[in-house]
Amino acid sequence: TNYAECMHNLGVLYRQCGSLDEAMSAYTEALRIRKVVLGPDHVQVAQTLHNIGIVHCEKGNHDDAIRAYAQALRVRQQVTGDKQADFAVAQTLHNIGVVLRQKGDTDVAMVAFTEA
């Protein structure tokens, strides 16, 4: 998992530098490894999915962002057992709201913001 963590962190660095395609490649590799080594329902898998959602959002791929965030949210809620109990859950709900607002779905976005 050290290699997966390095790839995830490399994705963070690429994203911060504005290299979104490289960030997506690094995150995708980190996700692949984390799913194999840790299983699909691990908090680190959710973390990488969340960051993939951020990259999709920054690239304007709203539907892909929502899909990645939804997967991250499912795992994060499963891990915490209570969707209101965890900052990471709230963070993902907030980001879902941001994407929905960008798409013009303000009513649904407000629901996500309220849940966050």
C-alpha atoms as a PDB file:
ATOM      1  CA  THR A   1       0.000   0.000   0.000  1.00  0.00           C
ATOM      2  CA  ASN A   2       3.018   2.322   0.189  1.00  0.00           C
ATOM      3  CA  TYR A   3       3.084   2.567  -3.599  1.00  0.00           C
ATOM      4  CA  ALA A   4      -0.639   3.308  -3.666  1.00  0.00           C
ATOM      5  CA  GLU A   5      -0.167   6.025  -1.052  1.00  0.00           C
ATOM      6  CA  CYS A   6       2.658   7.528  -3.093  1.00  0.00           C
ATOM      7  CA  MET A   7       0.483   7.511  -6.216  1.00  0.00           C
ATOM      8  CA  HIS A   8      -2.373   9.111  -4.291  1.00  0.00           C
ATOM      9  CA  ASN A   9      -0.051  11.810  -2.949  1.00  0.00           C
ATOM     10  CA  LEU A  10       1.391  12.336  -6.415  1.00  0.00           C
ATOM     11  CA  GLY A  11      -2.171  12.888  -7.619  1.00  0.00           C
ATOM     12  CA  VAL A  12      -2.617  15.545  -4.939  1.00  0.00           C
ATOM     13  CA  LEU A  13       0.553  17.311  -6.075  1.00  0.00           C
ATOM     14  CA  TYR A  14      -0.383  17.158  -9.743  1.00  0.00           C
ATOM     15  CA  ARG A  15      -3.849  18.548  -8.974  1.00  0.00           C
ATOM     16  CA  GLN A  16      -2.410  21.379  -6.912  1.00  0.00           C
ATOM     17  CA  CYS A  17      -0.130  22.250  -9.838  1.00  0.00           C
ATOM     18  CA  GLY A  18      -3.055  22.197 -12.265  1.00  0.00           C
ATOM     19  CA  SER A  19      -1.936  19.047 -14.087  1.00  0.00           C
ATOM     20  CA  LEU A  20      -5.347  17.413 -13.999  1.00  0.00           C
ATOM     21  CA  ASP A  21      -4.713  14.629 -16.519  1.00  0.00           C
ATOM     22  CA  GLU A  22      -1.610  13.525 -14.631  1.00  0.00           C
ATOM     23  CA  ALA A  23      -3.513  13.767 -11.357  1.00  0.00           C
ATOM     24  CA  MET A  24      -6.262  11.535 -12.740  1.00  0.00           C
ATOM     25  CA  SER A  25      -3.711   8.969 -13.909  1.00  0.00           C
ATOM     26  CA  ALA A  26      -2.037   8.877 -10.495  1.00  0.00           C
ATOM     27  CA  TYR A  27      -5.364   8.632  -8.651  1.00  0.00           C
ATOM     28  CA  THR A  28      -6.599   5.901 -10.993  1.00  0.00           C
ATOM     29  CA  GLU A  29      -3.487   3.824 -10.301  1.00  0.00           C
ATOM     30  CA  ALA A  30      -3.788   4.431  -6.552  1.00  0.00           C
ATOM     31  CA  LEU A  31      -7.452   3.407  -6.676  1.00  0.00           C
ATOM     32  CA  ARG A  32      -6.699   0.225  -8.604  1.00  0.00           C
ATOM     33  CA  ILE A  33      -4.056  -0.847  -6.104  1.00  0.00           C
ATOM     34  CA  ARG A  34      -6.052   0.144  -3.026  1.00  0.00           C
ATOM     35  CA  LYS A  35      -9.090  -1.837  -4.199  1.00  0.00           C
ATOM     36  CA  VAL A  36      -6.966  -4.947  -4.713  1.00  0.00           C
ATOM     37  CA  VAL A  37      -4.944  -4.665  -1.502  1.00  0.00           C
ATOM     38  CA  LEU A  38      -7.482  -3.135   0.890  1.00  0.00           C
ATOM     39  CA  GLY A  39     -10.808  -4.107  -0.671  1.00  0.00           C
ATOM     40  CA  PRO A  40     -13.422  -1.848  -2.256  1.00  0.00           C
ATOM     41  CA  ASP A  41     -14.942  -0.714   1.044  1.00  0.00           C
ATOM     42  CA  HIS A  42     -11.873   0.758   2.713  1.00  0.00           C
ATOM     43  CA  VAL A  43     -11.557   4.361   3.870  1.00  0.00           C
ATOM     44  CA  GLN A  44      -8.461   4.893   1.691  1.00  0.00           C
ATOM     45  CA  VAL A  45     -10.417   3.766  -1.367  1.00  0.00           C
ATOM     46  CA  ALA A  46     -13.055   6.359  -0.479  1.00  0.00           C
ATOM     47  CA  GLN A  47     -10.375   9.013  -0.096  1.00  0.00           C
ATOM     48  CA  THR A  48      -9.046   8.346  -3.587  1.00  0.00           C
ATOM     49  CA  LEU A  49     -12.559   8.238  -5.064  1.00  0.00           C
ATOM     50  CA  HIS A  50     -13.288  11.587  -3.422  1.00  0.00           C
ATOM     51  CA  ASN A  51     -10.167  13.095  -4.971  1.00  0.00           C
ATOM     52  CA  ILE A  52     -11.059  11.639  -8.364  1.00  0.00           C
ATOM     53  CA  GLY A  53     -14.381  13.449  -7.978  1.00  0.00           C
ATOM     54  CA  ILE A  54     -12.520  16.696  -7.341  1.00  0.00           C
ATOM     55  CA  VAL A  55     -10.492  16.297 -10.531  1.00  0.00           C
ATOM     56  CA  HIS A  56     -13.612  15.503 -12.568  1.00  0.00           C
ATOM     57  CA  CYS A  57     -15.284  18.577 -11.109  1.00  0.00           C
ATOM     58  CA  GLU A  58     -12.302  20.783 -11.927  1.00  0.00           C
ATOM     59  CA  LYS A  59     -12.319  19.432 -15.488  1.00  0.00           C
ATOM     60  CA  GLY A  60     -16.057  20.182 -15.801  1.00  0.00           C
ATOM     61  CA  ASN A  61     -17.025  16.492 -15.961  1.00  0.00           C
ATOM     62  CA  HIS A  62     -19.956  16.890 -13.607  1.00  0.00           C
ATOM     63  CA  ASP A  63     -21.576  13.493 -14.154  1.00  0.00           C
ATOM     64  CA  ASP A  64     -18.281  11.668 -13.613  1.00  0.00           C
ATOM     65  CA  ALA A  65     -17.666  13.779 -10.503  1.00  0.00           C
ATOM     66  CA  ILE A  66     -21.065  12.838  -9.086  1.00  0.00           C
ATOM     67  CA  ARG A  67     -20.390   9.138  -9.754  1.00  0.00           C
ATOM     68  CA  ALA A  68     -17.003   9.252  -8.012  1.00  0.00           C
ATOM     69  CA  TYR A  69     -18.395  11.224  -5.063  1.00  0.00           C
ATOM     70  CA  ALA A  70     -21.363   8.851  -4.758  1.00  0.00           C
ATOM     71  CA  GLN A  71     -19.019   5.864  -4.549  1.00  0.00           C
ATOM     72  CA  ALA A  72     -16.859   7.649  -1.975  1.00  0.00           C
ATOM     73  CA  LEU A  73     -19.944   8.605   0.029  1.00  0.00           C
ATOM     74  CA  ARG A  74     -21.253   5.030   0.053  1.00  0.00           C
ATOM     75  CA  VAL A  75     -17.960   3.734   1.443  1.00  0.00           C
ATOM     76  CA  ARG A  76     -17.579   6.569   3.943  1.00  0.00           C
ATOM     77  CA  GLN A  77     -21.122   6.094   5.251  1.00  0.00           C
ATOM     78  CA  GLN A  78     -20.591   2.349   5.486  1.00  0.00           C
ATOM     79  CA  VAL A  79     -17.359   2.824   7.435  1.00  0.00           C
ATOM     80  CA  THR A  80     -18.797   5.402   9.864  1.00  0.00           C
ATOM     81  CA  GLY A  81     -22.174   3.715  10.235  1.00  0.00           C
ATOM     82  CA  ASP A  82     -23.750   7.144  10.768  1.00  0.00           C
ATOM     83  CA  LYS A  83     -23.697   9.560   7.870  1.00  0.00           C
ATOM     84  CA  GLN A  84     -23.758  12.593  10.169  1.00  0.00           C
ATOM     85  CA  ALA A  85     -20.906  11.448  12.399  1.00  0.00           C
ATOM     86  CA  ASP A  86     -17.936  11.930  10.134  1.00  0.00           C
ATOM     87  CA  PHE A  87     -16.254  15.001   8.657  1.00  0.00           C
ATOM     88  CA  ALA A  88     -15.269  13.054   5.532  1.00  0.00           C
ATOM     89  CA  VAL A  89     -18.935  12.208   4.881  1.00  0.00           C
ATOM     90  CA  ALA A  90     -19.869  15.872   5.270  1.00  0.00           C
ATOM     91  CA  GLN A  91     -17.024  16.880   2.961  1.00  0.00           C
ATOM     92  CA  THR A  92     -18.207  14.519   0.229  1.00  0.00           C
ATOM     93  CA  LEU A  93     -21.831  15.643   0.620  1.00  0.00           C
ATOM     94  CA  HIS A  94     -20.676  19.250   0.348  1.00  0.00           C
ATOM     95  CA  ASN A  95     -18.741  18.509  -2.836  1.00  0.00           C
ATOM     96  CA  ILE A  96     -21.769  16.740  -4.308  1.00  0.00           C
ATOM     97  CA  GLY A  97     -23.761  19.884  -3.571  1.00  0.00           C
ATOM     98  CA  VAL A  98     -21.136  22.033  -5.300  1.00  0.00           C
ATOM     99  CA  VAL A  99     -21.274  19.911  -8.460  1.00  0.00           C
ATOM    100  CA  LEU A 100     -25.070  19.863  -8.469  1.00  0.00           C
ATOM    101  CA  ARG A 101     -25.135  23.643  -8.074  1.00  0.00           C
ATOM    102  CA  GLN A 102     -22.690  23.986 -10.973  1.00  0.00           C
ATOM    103  CA  LYS A 103     -25.027  21.814 -13.060  1.00  0.00           C
ATOM    104  CA  GLY A 104     -27.942  24.079 -12.152  1.00  0.00           C
ATOM    105  CA  ASP A 105     -29.677  21.548  -9.896  1.00  0.00           C
ATOM    106  CA  THR A 106     -29.964  24.009  -7.022  1.00  0.00           C
ATOM    107  CA  ASP A 107     -32.829  22.264  -5.213  1.00  0.00           C
ATOM    108  CA  VAL A 108     -31.008  18.936  -5.098  1.00  0.00           C
ATOM    109  CA  ALA A 109     -27.776  20.742  -4.237  1.00  0.00           C
ATOM    110  CA  MET A 110     -29.482  22.288  -1.197  1.00  0.00           C
ATOM    111  CA  VAL A 111     -30.454  18.819  -0.008  1.00  0.00           C
ATOM    112  CA  ALA A 112     -26.802  17.705  -0.187  1.00  0.00           C
ATOM    113  CA  PHE A 113     -25.644  20.895   1.559  1.00  0.00           C
ATOM    114  CA  THR A 114     -28.249  20.401   4.308  1.00  0.00           C
ATOM    115  CA  GLU A 115     -27.182  16.790   4.862  1.00  0.00           C
ATOM    116  CA  ALA A 116     -23.553  17.895   5.055  1.00  0.00           C
END
